[in-house]
Amino acid sequence: MEVARKMQEDGVAHVVVASAGSDLIAGSISELDLLRAVIDGKTEAMASDVMTLAAPATIAAQEPLALAVKRMRDEGIAFYVVVDGAPARPVGLLSHIELADYLARG
């Protein structure tokens, strides 16, 4: 429930879950993951119990937005974890909604 509250406060549809004691990506939690947790009665579960374990799509912070848009369209990606450094560490999220908003503002 703490994750759901934080997502609602921040107005986001996805969060990245880091491995314990590091900032390396362990998985992600989406609104759909939270809905499944509620349906399954897991509202008191840990983030690691409800997160999607598959690595979320990533894009380097230095990549052009045109590449992000192309990959989203071609690969059906709803959001990226924006990464930087070596090893790649998450620095933010980029969703199709944020991209559309940015492009609409010109």
C-alpha atoms as a PDB file:
ATOM      1  CA  MET A   1       0.000   0.000   0.000  1.00  0.00           C
ATOM      2  CA  GLU A   2       2.946   2.326   0.620  1.00  0.00           C
ATOM      3  CA  VAL A   3       4.006   1.947  -3.029  1.00  0.00           C
ATOM      4  CA  ALA A   4       0.454   2.677  -4.209  1.00  0.00           C
ATOM      5  CA  ARG A   5       0.283   5.809  -2.048  1.00  0.00           C
ATOM      6  CA  LYS A   6       3.646   7.043  -3.321  1.00  0.00           C
ATOM      7  CA  MET A   7       2.657   6.415  -6.943  1.00  0.00           C
ATOM      8  CA  GLN A   8      -0.585   8.331  -6.407  1.00  0.00           C
ATOM      9  CA  GLU A   9       1.196  11.238  -4.685  1.00  0.00           C
ATOM     10  CA  ASP A  10       3.778  11.466  -7.459  1.00  0.00           C
ATOM     11  CA  GLY A  11       1.249  10.967 -10.258  1.00  0.00           C
ATOM     12  CA  VAL A  12       3.137   8.061 -11.824  1.00  0.00           C
ATOM     13  CA  ALA A  13       1.972   4.761 -13.301  1.00  0.00           C
ATOM     14  CA  HIS A  14       5.238   2.825 -12.768  1.00  0.00           C
ATOM     15  CA  VAL A  15       8.037   2.649 -10.227  1.00  0.00           C
ATOM     16  CA  VAL A  16      11.391   0.922 -10.354  1.00  0.00           C
ATOM     17  CA  VAL A  17      12.339  -1.455  -7.554  1.00  0.00           C
ATOM     18  CA  ALA A  18      16.029  -1.515  -6.648  1.00  0.00           C
ATOM     19  CA  SER A  19      17.919  -4.508  -5.306  1.00  0.00           C
ATOM     20  CA  ALA A  20      18.334  -4.410  -1.534  1.00  0.00           C
ATOM     21  CA  GLY A  21      21.318  -2.300  -0.572  1.00  0.00           C
ATOM     22  CA  SER A  22      21.953  -0.988  -4.095  1.00  0.00           C
ATOM     23  CA  ASP A  23      20.459   1.101  -6.830  1.00  0.00           C
ATOM     24  CA  LEU A  24      20.561  -1.659  -9.446  1.00  0.00           C
ATOM     25  CA  ILE A  25      17.202  -2.524 -11.018  1.00  0.00           C
ATOM     26  CA  ALA A  26      15.478  -5.583  -9.546  1.00  0.00           C
ATOM     27  CA  GLY A  27      12.102  -5.098 -11.240  1.00  0.00           C
ATOM     28  CA  SER A  28       9.227  -2.668 -11.569  1.00  0.00           C
ATOM     29  CA  ILE A  29       5.725  -2.140 -10.248  1.00  0.00           C
ATOM     30  CA  SER A  30       2.932  -0.876 -12.452  1.00  0.00           C
ATOM     31  CA  GLU A  31      -0.632   0.095 -11.703  1.00  0.00           C
ATOM     32  CA  LEU A  32      -1.625  -3.316 -13.102  1.00  0.00           C
ATOM     33  CA  ASP A  33       0.733  -5.073 -10.652  1.00  0.00           C
ATOM     34  CA  LEU A  34      -0.934  -3.175  -7.801  1.00  0.00           C
ATOM     35  CA  LEU A  35      -4.396  -4.109  -9.052  1.00  0.00           C
ATOM     36  CA  ARG A  36      -3.379  -7.779  -9.146  1.00  0.00           C
ATOM     37  CA  ALA A  37      -2.045  -7.482  -5.582  1.00  0.00           C
ATOM     38  CA  VAL A  38      -5.368  -6.077  -4.365  1.00  0.00           C
ATOM     39  CA  ILE A  39      -7.348  -8.791  -6.163  1.00  0.00           C
ATOM     40  CA  ASP A  40      -5.061 -11.464  -4.671  1.00  0.00           C
ATOM     41  CA  GLY A  41      -5.375  -9.959  -1.173  1.00  0.00           C
ATOM     42  CA  LYS A  42      -1.706  -8.991  -1.018  1.00  0.00           C
ATOM     43  CA  THR A  43      -2.163  -5.391   0.151  1.00  0.00           C
ATOM     44  CA  GLU A  44       0.345  -5.870   2.968  1.00  0.00           C
ATOM     45  CA  ALA A  45       2.938  -7.646   0.788  1.00  0.00           C
ATOM     46  CA  MET A  46       6.426  -6.320   0.179  1.00  0.00           C
ATOM     47  CA  ALA A  47       7.238  -4.558  -3.103  1.00  0.00           C
ATOM     48  CA  SER A  48       9.379  -7.539  -4.110  1.00  0.00           C
ATOM     49  CA  ASP A  49       6.334  -9.822  -3.761  1.00  0.00           C
ATOM     50  CA  VAL A  50       4.225  -7.970  -6.329  1.00  0.00           C
ATOM     51  CA  MET A  51       6.790  -6.490  -8.724  1.00  0.00           C
ATOM     52  CA  THR A  52       7.317  -7.666 -12.264  1.00  0.00           C
ATOM     53  CA  LEU A  53      10.640  -9.486 -12.292  1.00  0.00           C
ATOM     54  CA  ALA A  54      11.277  -9.094 -16.002  1.00  0.00           C
ATOM     55  CA  ALA A  55      13.752  -6.312 -16.571  1.00  0.00           C
ATOM     56  CA  PRO A  56      11.928  -3.200 -17.729  1.00  0.00           C
ATOM     57  CA  ALA A  57      12.947  -1.620 -21.015  1.00  0.00           C
ATOM     58  CA  THR A  58      15.806   0.825 -20.563  1.00  0.00           C
ATOM     59  CA  ILE A  59      17.146   3.706 -22.578  1.00  0.00           C
ATOM     60  CA  ALA A  60      20.333   5.663 -22.010  1.00  0.00           C
ATOM     61  CA  ALA A  61      19.904   9.216 -20.754  1.00  0.00           C
ATOM     62  CA  GLN A  62      21.926  10.458 -23.729  1.00  0.00           C
ATOM     63  CA  GLU A  63      19.723   8.839 -26.410  1.00  0.00           C
ATOM     64  CA  PRO A  64      17.691  11.144 -28.655  1.00  0.00           C
ATOM     65  CA  LEU A  65      13.946  11.310 -28.029  1.00  0.00           C
ATOM     66  CA  ALA A  66      13.357  10.266 -31.650  1.00  0.00           C
ATOM     67  CA  LEU A  67      14.911   6.887 -30.813  1.00  0.00           C
ATOM     68  CA  ALA A  68      12.694   6.533 -27.757  1.00  0.00           C
ATOM     69  CA  VAL A  69       9.587   7.254 -29.818  1.00  0.00           C
ATOM     70  CA  LYS A  70      10.644   4.816 -32.557  1.00  0.00           C
ATOM     71  CA  ARG A  71      11.364   2.017 -30.071  1.00  0.00           C
ATOM     72  CA  MET A  72       8.084   2.639 -28.243  1.00  0.00           C
ATOM     73  CA  ARG A  73       6.185   2.332 -31.505  1.00  0.00           C
ATOM     74  CA  ASP A  74       8.149  -0.598 -32.934  1.00  0.00           C
ATOM     75  CA  GLU A  75       8.444  -2.629 -29.721  1.00  0.00           C
ATOM     76  CA  GLY A  76       5.188  -1.667 -27.997  1.00  0.00           C
ATOM     77  CA  ILE A  77       6.990  -0.157 -25.002  1.00  0.00           C
ATOM     78  CA  ALA A  78       4.845   1.839 -22.566  1.00  0.00           C
ATOM     79  CA  PHE A  79       7.710   3.223 -20.482  1.00  0.00           C
ATOM     80  CA  TYR A  80      11.468   3.192 -20.139  1.00  0.00           C
ATOM     81  CA  VAL A  81      13.759   3.262 -17.189  1.00  0.00           C
ATOM     82  CA  VAL A  82      16.254   5.961 -18.111  1.00  0.00           C
ATOM     83  CA  VAL A  83      19.740   4.814 -17.147  1.00  0.00           C
ATOM     84  CA  ASP A  84      23.154   6.401 -16.943  1.00  0.00           C
ATOM     85  CA  GLY A  85      26.663   5.288 -16.046  1.00  0.00           C
ATOM     86  CA  ALA A  86      28.429   1.950 -15.951  1.00  0.00           C
ATOM     87  CA  PRO A  87      26.997  -0.166 -14.537  1.00  0.00           C
ATOM     88  CA  ALA A  88      23.747   1.375 -15.723  1.00  0.00           C
ATOM     89  CA  ARG A  89      21.857   2.926 -12.841  1.00  0.00           C
ATOM     90  CA  PRO A  90      18.292   4.268 -13.048  1.00  0.00           C
ATOM     91  CA  VAL A  91      17.970   8.046 -13.099  1.00  0.00           C
ATOM     92  CA  GLY A  92      14.311   8.358 -14.103  1.00  0.00           C
ATOM     93  CA  LEU A  93      11.333   7.018 -16.006  1.00  0.00           C
ATOM     94  CA  LEU A  94      10.053   8.057 -19.418  1.00  0.00           C
ATOM     95  CA  SER A  95       6.532   7.037 -20.429  1.00  0.00           C
ATOM     96  CA  HIS A  96       4.621   7.432 -23.665  1.00  0.00           C
ATOM     97  CA  ILE A  97       2.389   9.933 -21.867  1.00  0.00           C
ATOM     98  CA  GLU A  98       5.346  12.110 -20.872  1.00  0.00           C
ATOM     99  CA  LEU A  99       6.749  11.926 -24.392  1.00  0.00           C
ATOM    100  CA  ALA A 100       3.413  12.937 -25.902  1.00  0.00           C
ATOM    101  CA  ASP A 101       3.121  15.834 -23.454  1.00  0.00           C
ATOM    102  CA  TYR A 102       6.659  17.021 -24.245  1.00  0.00           C
ATOM    103  CA  LEU A 103       6.118  16.783 -28.007  1.00  0.00           C
ATOM    104  CA  ALA A 104       2.769  18.573 -27.777  1.00  0.00           C
ATOM    105  CA  ARG A 105       4.417  21.501 -25.998  1.00  0.00           C
ATOM    106  CA  GLY A 106       6.881  21.778 -28.903  1.00  0.00           C
END
